[in-house]
C-alpha atoms as a PDB file:
ATOM      1  CA  UNK A   1     -18.840-167.880 -57.327  1.00  0.00           C
ATOM      2  CA  UNK A   2     -22.389-166.605 -55.841  1.00  0.00           C
ATOM      3  CA  UNK A   3     -21.512-163.268 -56.065  1.00  0.00           C
ATOM      4  CA  UNK A   4     -20.091-163.581 -59.829  1.00  0.00           C
ATOM      5  CA  UNK A   5     -23.437-165.444 -60.859  1.00  0.00           C
ATOM      6  CA  UNK A   6     -25.746-162.615 -59.428  1.00  0.00           C
ATOM      7  CA  UNK A   7     -23.556-160.066 -60.602  1.00  0.00           C
ATOM      8  CA  UNK A   8     -24.212-161.462 -64.216  1.00  0.00           C
ATOM      9  CA  UNK A   9     -27.883-161.763 -63.885  1.00  0.00           C
ATOM     10  CA  UNK A  10     -28.326-158.112 -62.599  1.00  0.00           C
ATOM     11  CA  UNK A  11     -26.419-156.759 -65.982  1.00  0.00           C
ATOM     12  CA  UNK A  12     -28.329-155.677 -69.116  1.00  0.00           C
ATOM     13  CA  UNK A  13     -27.030-158.442 -71.938  1.00  0.00           C
ATOM     14  CA  UNK A  14     -27.395-155.000 -74.492  1.00  0.00           C
ATOM     15  CA  UNK A  15     -25.561-152.939 -72.962  1.00  0.00           C
ATOM     16  CA  UNK A  16     -23.446-154.540 -70.341  1.00  0.00           C
ATOM     17  CA  UNK A  17     -25.146-151.905 -67.718  1.00  0.00           C
ATOM     18  CA  UNK A  18     -26.346-152.791 -64.691  1.00  0.00           C
ATOM     19  CA  UNK A  19     -30.103-153.499 -64.866  1.00  0.00           C
ATOM     20  CA  UNK A  20     -32.262-150.518 -63.133  1.00  0.00           C
ATOM     21  CA  UNK A  21     -34.176-153.221 -61.251  1.00  0.00           C
ATOM     22  CA  UNK A  22     -31.340-153.894 -59.497  1.00  0.00           C
ATOM     23  CA  UNK A  23     -28.943-150.881 -58.783  1.00  0.00           C
ATOM     24  CA  UNK A  24     -30.299-150.411 -55.520  1.00  0.00           C
ATOM     25  CA  UNK A  25     -29.109-153.363 -53.467  1.00  0.00           C
ATOM     26  CA  UNK A  26     -27.398-154.903 -55.656  1.00  0.00           C
ATOM     27  CA  UNK A  27     -23.931-153.796 -53.267  1.00  0.00           C
ATOM     28  CA  UNK A  28     -25.787-155.938 -50.590  1.00  0.00           C
ATOM     29  CA  UNK A  29     -26.392-158.670 -52.381  1.00  0.00           C
ATOM     30  CA  UNK A  30     -23.008-158.873 -53.901  1.00  0.00           C
ATOM     31  CA  UNK A  31     -21.869-159.101 -50.037  1.00  0.00           C
ATOM     32  CA  UNK A  32     -24.038-161.297 -48.524  1.00  0.00           C
ATOM     33  CA  UNK A  33     -23.101-163.701 -51.988  1.00  0.00           C
ATOM     34  CA  UNK A  34     -19.313-163.297 -50.962  1.00  0.00           C
ATOM     35  CA  UNK A  35     -20.818-164.363 -47.192  1.00  0.00           C
ATOM     36  CA  UNK A  36     -22.533-167.165 -48.063  1.00  0.00           C
ATOM     37  CA  UNK A  37     -19.992-167.799 -50.885  1.00  0.00           C
ATOM     38  CA  UNK A  38     -17.454-167.922 -47.377  1.00  0.00           C
ATOM     39  CA  UNK A  39     -20.096-170.420 -45.395  1.00  0.00           C
ATOM     40  CA  UNK A  40     -20.707-172.800 -48.119  1.00  0.00           C
ATOM     41  CA  UNK A  41     -16.665-173.013 -48.502  1.00  0.00           C
ATOM     42  CA  UNK A  42     -16.713-173.601 -44.518  1.00  0.00           C
ATOM     43  CA  UNK A  43     -14.579-170.250 -43.646  1.00  0.00           C
ATOM     44  CA  UNK A  44     -17.222-168.954 -42.036  1.00  0.00           C
ATOM     45  CA  UNK A  45     -20.281-169.989 -39.658  1.00  0.00           C
ATOM     46  CA  UNK A  46     -23.172-168.422 -38.945  1.00  0.00           C
ATOM     47  CA  UNK A  47     -24.925-168.606 -35.064  1.00  0.00           C
ATOM     48  CA  UNK A  48     -27.667-166.788 -34.064  1.00  0.00           C
ATOM     49  CA  UNK A  49     -26.937-164.262 -36.963  1.00  0.00           C
ATOM     50  CA  UNK A  50     -23.083-163.643 -35.398  1.00  0.00           C
ATOM     51  CA  UNK A  51     -20.490-164.758 -38.174  1.00  0.00           C
ATOM     52  CA  UNK A  52     -17.177-165.759 -37.332  1.00  0.00           C
ATOM     53  CA  UNK A  53     -14.184-167.103 -39.244  1.00  0.00           C
ATOM     54  CA  UNK A  54     -13.784-171.180 -38.831  1.00  0.00           C
ATOM     55  CA  UNK A  55     -10.803-171.829 -41.826  1.00  0.00           C
ATOM     56  CA  UNK A  56      -8.270-171.091 -43.444  1.00  0.00           C
ATOM     57  CA  UNK A  57      -7.707-168.354 -46.751  1.00  0.00           C
ATOM     58  CA  UNK A  58      -9.726-169.569 -49.903  1.00  0.00           C
ATOM     59  CA  UNK A  59      -6.710-169.162 -52.282  1.00  0.00           C
ATOM     60  CA  UNK A  60      -9.062-166.475 -53.686  1.00  0.00           C
ATOM     61  CA  UNK A  61      -7.631-162.796 -53.350  1.00  0.00           C
ATOM     62  CA  UNK A  62     -11.449-161.647 -53.092  1.00  0.00           C
ATOM     63  CA  UNK A  63     -12.786-164.035 -50.462  1.00  0.00           C
ATOM     64  CA  UNK A  64      -9.732-163.761 -48.363  1.00  0.00           C
ATOM     65  CA  UNK A  65     -10.197-160.036 -48.682  1.00  0.00           C
ATOM     66  CA  UNK A  66     -13.361-160.539 -47.292  1.00  0.00           C
ATOM     67  CA  UNK A  67     -11.838-163.418 -44.796  1.00  0.00           C
ATOM     68  CA  UNK A  68      -9.331-161.192 -43.335  1.00  0.00           C
ATOM     69  CA  UNK A  69     -12.472-158.441 -42.511  1.00  0.00           C
ATOM     70  CA  UNK A  70     -14.321-160.918 -40.574  1.00  0.00           C
ATOM     71  CA  UNK A  71     -11.733-162.343 -38.595  1.00  0.00           C
ATOM     72  CA  UNK A  72     -10.767-159.049 -37.280  1.00  0.00           C
ATOM     73  CA  UNK A  73     -13.819-157.975 -36.023  1.00  0.00           C
ATOM     74  CA  UNK A  74     -15.322-161.487 -35.054  1.00  0.00           C
ATOM     75  CA  UNK A  75     -19.449-161.606 -33.458  1.00  0.00           C
ATOM     76  CA  UNK A  76     -20.912-158.926 -35.527  1.00  0.00           C
ATOM     77  CA  UNK A  77     -24.294-159.984 -37.208  1.00  0.00           C
ATOM     78  CA  UNK A  78     -24.450-160.911 -41.136  1.00  0.00           C
ATOM     79  CA  UNK A  79     -26.665-157.932 -42.205  1.00  0.00           C
ATOM     80  CA  UNK A  80     -23.801-156.323 -40.471  1.00  0.00           C
ATOM     81  CA  UNK A  81     -21.241-157.646 -42.652  1.00  0.00           C
ATOM     82  CA  UNK A  82     -24.092-157.196 -45.752  1.00  0.00           C
ATOM     83  CA  UNK A  83     -23.327-153.340 -45.003  1.00  0.00           C
ATOM     84  CA  UNK A  84     -19.839-153.193 -44.843  1.00  0.00           C
ATOM     85  CA  UNK A  85     -18.417-155.570 -46.667  1.00  0.00           C
ATOM     86  CA  UNK A  86     -20.502-153.810 -49.371  1.00  0.00           C
ATOM     87  CA  UNK A  87     -18.556-150.519 -48.714  1.00  0.00           C
ATOM     88  CA  UNK A  88     -15.410-152.271 -47.210  1.00  0.00           C
ATOM     89  CA  UNK A  89     -14.299-154.108 -49.864  1.00  0.00           C
ATOM     90  CA  UNK A  90     -12.349-151.668 -52.031  1.00  0.00           C
ATOM     91  CA  UNK A  91     -15.064-151.631 -55.335  1.00  0.00           C
ATOM     92  CA  UNK A  92     -16.790-155.078 -54.357  1.00  0.00           C
ATOM     93  CA  UNK A  93     -18.276-154.803 -57.943  1.00  0.00           C
ATOM     94  CA  UNK A  94     -15.896-153.302 -59.733  1.00  0.00           C
ATOM     95  CA  UNK A  95     -13.730-155.942 -58.417  1.00  0.00           C
ATOM     96  CA  UNK A  96     -16.367-159.038 -59.767  1.00  0.00           C
ATOM     97  CA  UNK A  97     -16.693-156.963 -63.127  1.00  0.00           C
ATOM     98  CA  UNK A  98     -13.085-157.355 -63.571  1.00  0.00           C
ATOM     99  CA  UNK A  99     -12.555-160.677 -62.316  1.00  0.00           C
ATOM    100  CA  UNK A 100     -15.416-161.825 -65.164  1.00  0.00           C
ATOM    101  CA  UNK A 101     -13.080-159.638 -68.165  1.00  0.00           C
ATOM    102  CA  UNK A 102      -9.984-161.449 -66.887  1.00  0.00           C
ATOM    103  CA  UNK A 103     -12.035-165.213 -67.185  1.00  0.00           C
ATOM    104  CA  UNK A 104     -13.304-164.218 -70.317  1.00  0.00           C
ATOM    105  CA  UNK A 105     -16.793-164.126 -69.293  1.00  0.00           C
ATOM    106  CA  UNK A 106     -17.531-160.251 -70.069  1.00  0.00           C
ATOM    107  CA  UNK A 107     -15.552-158.344 -72.435  1.00  0.00           C
ATOM    108  CA  UNK A 108     -14.448-155.122 -71.327  1.00  0.00           C
ATOM    109  CA  UNK A 109     -15.017-151.772 -73.997  1.00  0.00           C
ATOM    110  CA  UNK A 110     -11.986-150.568 -75.869  1.00  0.00           C
ATOM    111  CA  UNK A 111     -13.812-147.407 -76.312  1.00  0.00           C
ATOM    112  CA  UNK A 112     -13.302-144.076 -74.765  1.00  0.00           C
ATOM    113  CA  UNK A 113     -16.444-142.301 -75.014  1.00  0.00           C
ATOM    114  CA  UNK A 114     -14.824-138.770 -74.510  1.00  0.00           C
ATOM    115  CA  UNK A 115     -12.369-139.393 -77.297  1.00  0.00           C
ATOM    116  CA  UNK A 116     -14.580-141.061 -79.390  1.00  0.00           C
ATOM    117  CA  UNK A 117     -17.184-138.170 -79.230  1.00  0.00           C
ATOM    118  CA  UNK A 118     -14.272-135.142 -79.367  1.00  0.00           C
ATOM    119  CA  UNK A 119     -13.282-137.644 -82.908  1.00  0.00           C
ATOM    120  CA  UNK A 120     -16.886-137.523 -84.140  1.00  0.00           C
ATOM    121  CA  UNK A 121     -17.037-133.355 -83.201  1.00  0.00           C
ATOM    122  CA  UNK A 122     -13.505-133.176 -84.986  1.00  0.00           C
ATOM    123  CA  UNK A 123     -14.846-135.179 -88.510  1.00  0.00           C
ATOM    124  CA  UNK A 124     -18.288-133.174 -88.428  1.00  0.00           C
ATOM    125  CA  UNK A 125     -16.340-129.899 -88.295  1.00  0.00           C
ATOM    126  CA  UNK A 126     -13.813-131.612 -91.222  1.00  0.00           C
ATOM    127  CA  UNK A 127     -17.530-133.268 -93.094  1.00  0.00           C
ATOM    128  CA  UNK A 128     -19.046-129.221 -92.765  1.00  0.00           C
ATOM    129  CA  UNK A 129     -16.320-127.108 -94.181  1.00  0.00           C
ATOM    130  CA  UNK A 130     -15.578-129.788 -97.197  1.00  0.00           C
ATOM    131  CA  UNK A 131     -19.682-129.516 -97.749  1.00  0.00           C
ATOM    132  CA  UNK A 132     -19.468-125.713 -97.550  1.00  0.00           C
ATOM    133  CA  UNK A 133     -16.431-125.378-100.160  1.00  0.00           C
ATOM    134  CA  UNK A 134     -18.019-127.592-102.752  1.00  0.00           C
ATOM    135  CA  UNK A 135     -21.091-125.462-102.311  1.00  0.00           C
ATOM    136  CA  UNK A 136     -18.540-122.262-102.696  1.00  0.00           C
ATOM    137  CA  UNK A 137     -17.081-124.157-105.351  1.00  0.00           C
ATOM    138  CA  UNK A 138     -20.683-124.791-107.399  1.00  0.00           C
ATOM    139  CA  UNK A 139     -22.000-121.349-106.724  1.00  0.00           C
ATOM    140  CA  UNK A 140     -18.349-120.337-108.552  1.00  0.00           C
ATOM    141  CA  UNK A 141     -18.940-122.448-111.535  1.00  0.00           C
ATOM    142  CA  UNK A 142     -22.870-121.210-112.144  1.00  0.00           C
ATOM    143  CA  UNK A 143     -21.448-117.631-111.882  1.00  0.00           C
ATOM    144  CA  UNK A 144     -18.870-118.538-114.666  1.00  0.00           C
ATOM    145  CA  UNK A 145     -21.764-120.172-116.686  1.00  0.00           C
ATOM    146  CA  UNK A 146     -24.176-117.728-116.211  1.00  0.00           C
ATOM    147  CA  UNK A 147     -21.273-115.045-117.353  1.00  0.00           C
ATOM    148  CA  UNK A 148     -20.159-116.968-120.749  1.00  0.00           C
ATOM    149  CA  UNK A 149     -23.509-117.683-121.328  1.00  0.00           C
ATOM    150  CA  UNK A 150     -23.870-113.623-121.327  1.00  0.00           C
ATOM    151  CA  UNK A 151     -21.085-112.948-123.295  1.00  0.00           C
ATOM    152  CA  UNK A 152     -22.261-115.463-126.044  1.00  0.00           C
END
């Protein structure tokens, strides 16, 4: 699908986040790619910028959602649909990301940063506590050795 291909191109391979250069226009590009996918599949026609539906459902939930939205308001321009589908399709970008995860193309992180940060803070506190305890034990040993040396 064109939209998933575009999204993959917009992702940073190392971090899995959208590249800063692509952030501003990505949602519009994804919406345009959805309309073009529908056109390539013969489900919409674009005549003099006006988009209208021409075919049945595609058996693809995301494309069929877009097709229903377009069918409900025929005759709007392509720029209208790029603008509105980018906003009206209930998180188009996230839906495409979820699709890529389901297909196995992307892996979803199983790390919750907030939980991991709180665990790291617990470990740091435990480390500091243990470090303080070891320092005190060393001080006690030094004091004991010094007292033993004085009595000898």
